[in-house]
Amino acid sequence: MKLQKYLFFYELFSKVEGKSYSLDYLKGYENGPVFSEVYGDYTYRIDEFEPNVDVNGNLEIEKDIAQKASFLAQILTKKELSNLTHEMNIWKAKEKDIEKGIKNVPLDEEDFNDNDEYITKNLKDLYSNEFINSVNVINIADKSFVVSKEDFYKLNSIQKDTLELLSNEELDNPVYISIGDEGELLVD
């Protein structure tokens, strides 16, 4: 599901940036938008799909946009990503059909409204690529801990065990952590 959310946000970020994008084959499901062809290929035809992934770099990929979409998918849980997509009119416009259990509900680009654009732009601008390049994400259970690359390499086994315990706490993702001057684990 995270792959689907990554693809969804990559295409929307590209759209609001005026870059090449495609919302073709976008369908509505209970957990949010899904690119049906990618889902089918990845789920049912993986042996045929993987060899055809463009490994030679012939695809035109906007790396900065891809990095932002990837980071968003890393720092939020599947449920959080799903809830986020449910806030968007492109999905909400078909919500009744989706909730009735209708499968493969086509999502229409015409339903992408000003509020969707506002949400998309804010998500895209939430983190700079410079910031993303300066941190690592540690996913434990349903928590995503964001730590500087410098502090990431300083984490010891006791601090990692503490992260395991923190993953059970009521904290909102992402959880920003750092290591203090005395070596203590700090949660922002």
C-alpha atoms as a PDB file:
ATOM      1  CA  MET A   1       0.000   0.000   0.000  1.00  0.00           C
ATOM      2  CA  LYS A   2       2.866   2.407   0.680  1.00  0.00           C
ATOM      3  CA  LEU A   3       4.024   1.976  -2.920  1.00  0.00           C
ATOM      4  CA  GLN A   4       0.597   3.114  -4.083  1.00  0.00           C
ATOM      5  CA  LYS A   5       0.643   6.159  -1.800  1.00  0.00           C
ATOM      6  CA  TYR A   6       4.157   7.012  -2.961  1.00  0.00           C
ATOM      7  CA  LEU A   7       3.004   6.864  -6.597  1.00  0.00           C
ATOM      8  CA  PHE A   8      -0.116   8.893  -5.815  1.00  0.00           C
ATOM      9  CA  PHE A   9       1.807  11.683  -4.114  1.00  0.00           C
ATOM     10  CA  TYR A  10       4.581  11.617  -6.721  1.00  0.00           C
ATOM     11  CA  GLU A  11       2.014  12.223  -9.463  1.00  0.00           C
ATOM     12  CA  LEU A  12       0.173  14.907  -7.472  1.00  0.00           C
ATOM     13  CA  PHE A  13       3.406  16.696  -6.529  1.00  0.00           C
ATOM     14  CA  SER A  14       4.376  16.606 -10.211  1.00  0.00           C
ATOM     15  CA  LYS A  15       0.964  17.991 -11.169  1.00  0.00           C
ATOM     16  CA  VAL A  16       1.162  21.010  -8.845  1.00  0.00           C
ATOM     17  CA  GLU A  17       4.748  21.662  -9.972  1.00  0.00           C
ATOM     18  CA  GLY A  18       3.649  21.756 -13.607  1.00  0.00           C
ATOM     19  CA  LYS A  19       5.738  18.683 -14.418  1.00  0.00           C
ATOM     20  CA  SER A  20       4.746  15.658 -16.455  1.00  0.00           C
ATOM     21  CA  TYR A  21       2.288  13.456 -14.555  1.00  0.00           C
ATOM     22  CA  SER A  22      -0.371  10.834 -15.129  1.00  0.00           C
ATOM     23  CA  LEU A  23      -3.465   9.943 -13.156  1.00  0.00           C
ATOM     24  CA  ASP A  24      -4.474   7.323 -15.715  1.00  0.00           C
ATOM     25  CA  TYR A  25      -5.703   4.060 -14.221  1.00  0.00           C
ATOM     26  CA  LEU A  26      -6.263   5.719 -10.828  1.00  0.00           C
ATOM     27  CA  LYS A  27      -8.999   3.846  -8.981  1.00  0.00           C
ATOM     28  CA  GLY A  28     -10.662   4.375  -5.630  1.00  0.00           C
ATOM     29  CA  TYR A  29     -10.496   1.704  -2.962  1.00  0.00           C
ATOM     30  CA  GLU A  30     -11.304   1.619   0.728  1.00  0.00           C
ATOM     31  CA  ASN A  31      -7.721   2.498   1.688  1.00  0.00           C
ATOM     32  CA  GLY A  32      -7.433   5.287  -0.862  1.00  0.00           C
ATOM     33  CA  PRO A  33      -6.348   5.807  -4.457  1.00  0.00           C
ATOM     34  CA  VAL A  34      -4.642   2.942  -6.300  1.00  0.00           C
ATOM     35  CA  PHE A  35      -3.003   2.823  -9.703  1.00  0.00           C
ATOM     36  CA  SER A  36      -4.737  -0.356 -10.832  1.00  0.00           C
ATOM     37  CA  GLU A  37      -2.228  -1.406 -13.483  1.00  0.00           C
ATOM     38  CA  VAL A  38       0.714  -1.100 -11.104  1.00  0.00           C
ATOM     39  CA  TYR A  39      -1.228  -2.959  -8.422  1.00  0.00           C
ATOM     40  CA  GLY A  40      -2.085  -5.779 -10.816  1.00  0.00           C
ATOM     41  CA  ASP A  41       1.434  -6.038 -12.177  1.00  0.00           C
ATOM     42  CA  TYR A  42       3.066  -5.890  -8.761  1.00  0.00           C
ATOM     43  CA  THR A  43       0.598  -8.208  -7.036  1.00  0.00           C
ATOM     44  CA  TYR A  44      -0.206 -10.806  -9.676  1.00  0.00           C
ATOM     45  CA  ARG A  45       2.523 -10.540 -12.299  1.00  0.00           C
ATOM     46  CA  ILE A  46       5.615  -9.676 -10.262  1.00  0.00           C
ATOM     47  CA  ASP A  47       7.806 -12.113 -12.215  1.00  0.00           C
ATOM     48  CA  GLU A  48       6.950 -10.260 -15.415  1.00  0.00           C
ATOM     49  CA  PHE A  49       6.884  -6.824 -13.778  1.00  0.00           C
ATOM     50  CA  GLU A  50      10.335  -6.686 -12.181  1.00  0.00           C
ATOM     51  CA  PRO A  51      12.387  -7.373 -15.338  1.00  0.00           C
ATOM     52  CA  ASN A  52      10.531  -4.574 -17.113  1.00  0.00           C
ATOM     53  CA  VAL A  53      11.239  -1.929 -14.499  1.00  0.00           C
ATOM     54  CA  ASP A  54      13.384   0.706 -16.160  1.00  0.00           C
ATOM     55  CA  VAL A  55      16.812   0.118 -14.659  1.00  0.00           C
ATOM     56  CA  ASN A  56      18.649   1.968 -17.414  1.00  0.00           C
ATOM     57  CA  GLY A  57      17.363   5.355 -16.335  1.00  0.00           C
ATOM     58  CA  ASN A  58      15.288   5.980 -19.440  1.00  0.00           C
ATOM     59  CA  LEU A  59      12.285   7.090 -17.408  1.00  0.00           C
ATOM     60  CA  GLU A  60      11.918  10.795 -16.786  1.00  0.00           C
ATOM     61  CA  ILE A  61      11.812  10.923 -13.003  1.00  0.00           C
ATOM     62  CA  GLU A  62      11.816  14.166 -11.059  1.00  0.00           C
ATOM     63  CA  LYS A  63      14.251  13.145  -8.320  1.00  0.00           C
ATOM     64  CA  ASP A  64      13.415  15.984  -5.918  1.00  0.00           C
ATOM     65  CA  ILE A  65       9.711  15.208  -6.197  1.00  0.00           C
ATOM     66  CA  ALA A  66      10.354  11.469  -5.869  1.00  0.00           C
ATOM     67  CA  GLN A  67      12.398  12.083  -2.733  1.00  0.00           C
ATOM     68  CA  LYS A  68       9.620  14.141  -1.130  1.00  0.00           C
ATOM     69  CA  ALA A  69       6.946  11.557  -1.978  1.00  0.00           C
ATOM     70  CA  SER A  70       9.169   8.776  -0.658  1.00  0.00           C
ATOM     71  CA  PHE A  71       9.856  10.629   2.589  1.00  0.00           C
ATOM     72  CA  LEU A  72       6.137  11.186   3.148  1.00  0.00           C
ATOM     73  CA  ALA A  73       5.503   7.456   2.636  1.00  0.00           C
ATOM     74  CA  GLN A  74       8.319   6.635   5.081  1.00  0.00           C
ATOM     75  CA  ILE A  75       7.230   8.882   7.949  1.00  0.00           C
ATOM     76  CA  LEU A  76       3.540   7.972   7.980  1.00  0.00           C
ATOM     77  CA  THR A  77       1.873   4.629   8.628  1.00  0.00           C
ATOM     78  CA  LYS A  78      -0.358   2.942   6.078  1.00  0.00           C
ATOM     79  CA  LYS A  79      -3.405   4.086   8.035  1.00  0.00           C
ATOM     80  CA  GLU A  80      -2.150   7.672   8.289  1.00  0.00           C
ATOM     81  CA  LEU A  81      -1.456   7.754   4.552  1.00  0.00           C
ATOM     82  CA  SER A  82      -4.878   6.296   3.856  1.00  0.00           C
ATOM     83  CA  ASN A  83      -6.568   8.876   6.098  1.00  0.00           C
ATOM     84  CA  LEU A  84      -4.641  11.635   4.363  1.00  0.00           C
ATOM     85  CA  THR A  85      -5.836  10.552   0.924  1.00  0.00           C
ATOM     86  CA  HIS A  86      -9.393  10.356   2.262  1.00  0.00           C
ATOM     87  CA  GLU A  87      -9.221  14.108   2.951  1.00  0.00           C
ATOM     88  CA  MET A  88      -8.835  14.788  -0.749  1.00  0.00           C
ATOM     89  CA  ASN A  89     -11.808  15.422  -2.998  1.00  0.00           C
ATOM     90  CA  ILE A  90     -10.353  13.290  -5.792  1.00  0.00           C
ATOM     91  CA  TRP A  91     -11.143  10.304  -3.512  1.00  0.00           C
ATOM     92  CA  LYS A  92     -14.072  11.808  -1.548  1.00  0.00           C
ATOM     93  CA  ALA A  93     -16.044  12.454  -4.740  1.00  0.00           C
ATOM     94  CA  LYS A  94     -16.358   8.669  -5.152  1.00  0.00           C
ATOM     95  CA  GLU A  95     -16.507   7.771  -1.462  1.00  0.00           C
ATOM     96  CA  LYS A  96     -20.139   6.595  -1.510  1.00  0.00           C
ATOM     97  CA  ASP A  97     -19.492   4.114  -4.327  1.00  0.00           C
ATOM     98  CA  ILE A  98     -16.301   2.918  -2.637  1.00  0.00           C
ATOM     99  CA  GLU A  99     -18.072   2.427   0.701  1.00  0.00           C
ATOM    100  CA  LYS A 100     -20.799   0.417  -1.065  1.00  0.00           C
ATOM    101  CA  GLY A 101     -18.065  -2.065  -1.948  1.00  0.00           C
ATOM    102  CA  ILE A 102     -17.896  -1.239  -5.640  1.00  0.00           C
ATOM    103  CA  LYS A 103     -14.468  -2.254  -6.945  1.00  0.00           C
ATOM    104  CA  ASN A 104     -12.268  -0.374  -9.408  1.00  0.00           C
ATOM    105  CA  VAL A 105     -14.094   2.943  -9.008  1.00  0.00           C
ATOM    106  CA  PRO A 106     -12.425   5.294 -11.518  1.00  0.00           C
ATOM    107  CA  LEU A 107     -11.123   8.490  -9.927  1.00  0.00           C
ATOM    108  CA  ASP A 108     -11.459  11.543 -12.137  1.00  0.00           C
ATOM    109  CA  GLU A 109      -8.847  14.254 -12.376  1.00  0.00           C
ATOM    110  CA  GLU A 110     -11.707  16.754 -12.676  1.00  0.00           C
ATOM    111  CA  ASP A 111     -12.465  16.011  -9.003  1.00  0.00           C
ATOM    112  CA  PHE A 112      -9.014  17.299  -8.008  1.00  0.00           C
ATOM    113  CA  ASN A 113     -10.147  20.639  -6.606  1.00  0.00           C
ATOM    114  CA  ASP A 114      -8.547  23.737  -5.077  1.00  0.00           C
ATOM    115  CA  ASN A 115      -8.495  22.137  -1.626  1.00  0.00           C
ATOM    116  CA  ASP A 116      -6.681  19.097  -3.038  1.00  0.00           C
ATOM    117  CA  GLU A 117      -4.156  21.427  -4.644  1.00  0.00           C
ATOM    118  CA  TYR A 118      -3.714  23.264  -1.332  1.00  0.00           C
ATOM    119  CA  ILE A 119      -3.165  19.993   0.560  1.00  0.00           C
ATOM    120  CA  THR A 120      -0.779  18.712  -2.110  1.00  0.00           C
ATOM    121  CA  LYS A 121       1.322  21.882  -2.181  1.00  0.00           C
ATOM    122  CA  ASN A 122       1.552  21.960   1.613  1.00  0.00           C
ATOM    123  CA  LEU A 123       2.630  18.320   1.766  1.00  0.00           C
ATOM    124  CA  LYS A 124       5.185  18.872  -0.993  1.00  0.00           C
ATOM    125  CA  ASP A 125       6.640  21.900   0.780  1.00  0.00           C
ATOM    126  CA  LEU A 126       6.544  20.416   4.280  1.00  0.00           C
ATOM    127  CA  TYR A 127      10.130  19.165   4.123  1.00  0.00           C
ATOM    128  CA  SER A 128      12.971  20.480   2.000  1.00  0.00           C
ATOM    129  CA  ASN A 129      15.126  18.042   0.076  1.00  0.00           C
ATOM    130  CA  GLU A 130      18.066  19.391   2.073  1.00  0.00           C
ATOM    131  CA  PHE A 131      16.340  18.354   5.314  1.00  0.00           C
ATOM    132  CA  ILE A 132      15.385  14.944   3.905  1.00  0.00           C
ATOM    133  CA  ASN A 133      19.014  14.360   2.904  1.00  0.00           C
ATOM    134  CA  SER A 134      20.176  15.230   6.429  1.00  0.00           C
ATOM    135  CA  VAL A 135      18.079  12.648   8.309  1.00  0.00           C
ATOM    136  CA  ASN A 136      17.361   8.951   8.594  1.00  0.00           C
ATOM    137  CA  VAL A 137      13.970   7.429   9.337  1.00  0.00           C
ATOM    138  CA  ILE A 138      13.726   4.531  11.773  1.00  0.00           C
ATOM    139  CA  ASN A 139      10.413   2.671  11.522  1.00  0.00           C
ATOM    140  CA  ILE A 140       9.458   0.612  14.553  1.00  0.00           C
ATOM    141  CA  ALA A 141       5.931  -0.774  14.776  1.00  0.00           C
ATOM    142  CA  ASP A 142       3.648   2.161  13.925  1.00  0.00           C
ATOM    143  CA  LYS A 143       6.180   4.856  14.773  1.00  0.00           C
ATOM    144  CA  SER A 144       8.541   6.686  12.464  1.00  0.00           C
ATOM    145  CA  PHE A 145      11.495   8.219  14.266  1.00  0.00           C
ATOM    146  CA  VAL A 146      13.374  10.950  12.410  1.00  0.00           C
ATOM    147  CA  VAL A 147      16.966  11.500  13.478  1.00  0.00           C
ATOM    148  CA  SER A 148      19.896  13.392  11.982  1.00  0.00           C
ATOM    149  CA  LYS A 149      22.349  11.227  10.076  1.00  0.00           C
ATOM    150  CA  GLU A 150      25.035  12.246  12.561  1.00  0.00           C
ATOM    151  CA  ASP A 151      22.983  11.121  15.566  1.00  0.00           C
ATOM    152  CA  PHE A 152      21.777   8.001  13.755  1.00  0.00           C
ATOM    153  CA  TYR A 153      25.303   6.604  13.721  1.00  0.00           C
ATOM    154  CA  LYS A 154      25.724   7.421  17.421  1.00  0.00           C
ATOM    155  CA  LEU A 155      22.681   5.405  18.538  1.00  0.00           C
ATOM    156  CA  ASN A 156      23.707   2.679  20.958  1.00  0.00           C
ATOM    157  CA  SER A 157      21.837  -0.483  21.919  1.00  0.00           C
ATOM    158  CA  ILE A 158      20.241   1.100  25.007  1.00  0.00           C
ATOM    159  CA  GLN A 159      18.907   3.995  22.945  1.00  0.00           C
ATOM    160  CA  LYS A 160      17.610   1.583  20.310  1.00  0.00           C
ATOM    161  CA  ASP A 161      15.835  -0.366  23.059  1.00  0.00           C
ATOM    162  CA  THR A 162      14.327   2.920  24.252  1.00  0.00           C
ATOM    163  CA  LEU A 163      12.993   3.522  20.743  1.00  0.00           C
ATOM    164  CA  GLU A 164      11.330   0.108  20.901  1.00  0.00           C
ATOM    165  CA  LEU A 165       9.590   1.176  24.118  1.00  0.00           C
ATOM    166  CA  LEU A 166       8.659   4.578  22.680  1.00  0.00           C
ATOM    167  CA  SER A 167       7.078   2.885  19.687  1.00  0.00           C
ATOM    168  CA  ASN A 168       4.289   1.763  22.037  1.00  0.00           C
ATOM    169  CA  GLU A 169       3.592   5.284  23.316  1.00  0.00           C
ATOM    170  CA  GLU A 170       0.900   7.666  22.073  1.00  0.00           C
ATOM    171  CA  LEU A 171       3.160   9.805  19.902  1.00  0.00           C
ATOM    172  CA  ASP A 172       2.255  11.416  16.596  1.00  0.00           C
ATOM    173  CA  ASN A 173       4.299  10.556  13.533  1.00  0.00           C
ATOM    174  CA  PRO A 174       6.882  11.528  12.715  1.00  0.00           C
ATOM    175  CA  VAL A 175       8.691  11.502  16.064  1.00  0.00           C
ATOM    176  CA  TYR A 176      11.809  13.665  16.018  1.00  0.00           C
ATOM    177  CA  ILE A 177      14.667  12.414  18.152  1.00  0.00           C
ATOM    178  CA  SER A 178      18.211  13.528  18.836  1.00  0.00           C
ATOM    179  CA  ILE A 179      21.073  12.680  21.145  1.00  0.00           C
ATOM    180  CA  GLY A 180      21.864  15.235  23.854  1.00  0.00           C
ATOM    181  CA  ASP A 181      25.281  16.430  24.999  1.00  0.00           C
ATOM    182  CA  GLU A 182      25.337  13.791  27.740  1.00  0.00           C
ATOM    183  CA  GLY A 183      24.358  10.995  25.348  1.00  0.00           C
ATOM    184  CA  GLU A 184      20.705  11.018  26.419  1.00  0.00           C
ATOM    185  CA  LEU A 185      17.962  10.332  23.903  1.00  0.00           C
ATOM    186  CA  LEU A 186      15.826  13.432  23.374  1.00  0.00           C
ATOM    187  CA  VAL A 187      12.310  13.324  21.963  1.00  0.00           C
ATOM    188  CA  ASP A 188      11.063  16.568  20.453  1.00  0.00           C
END
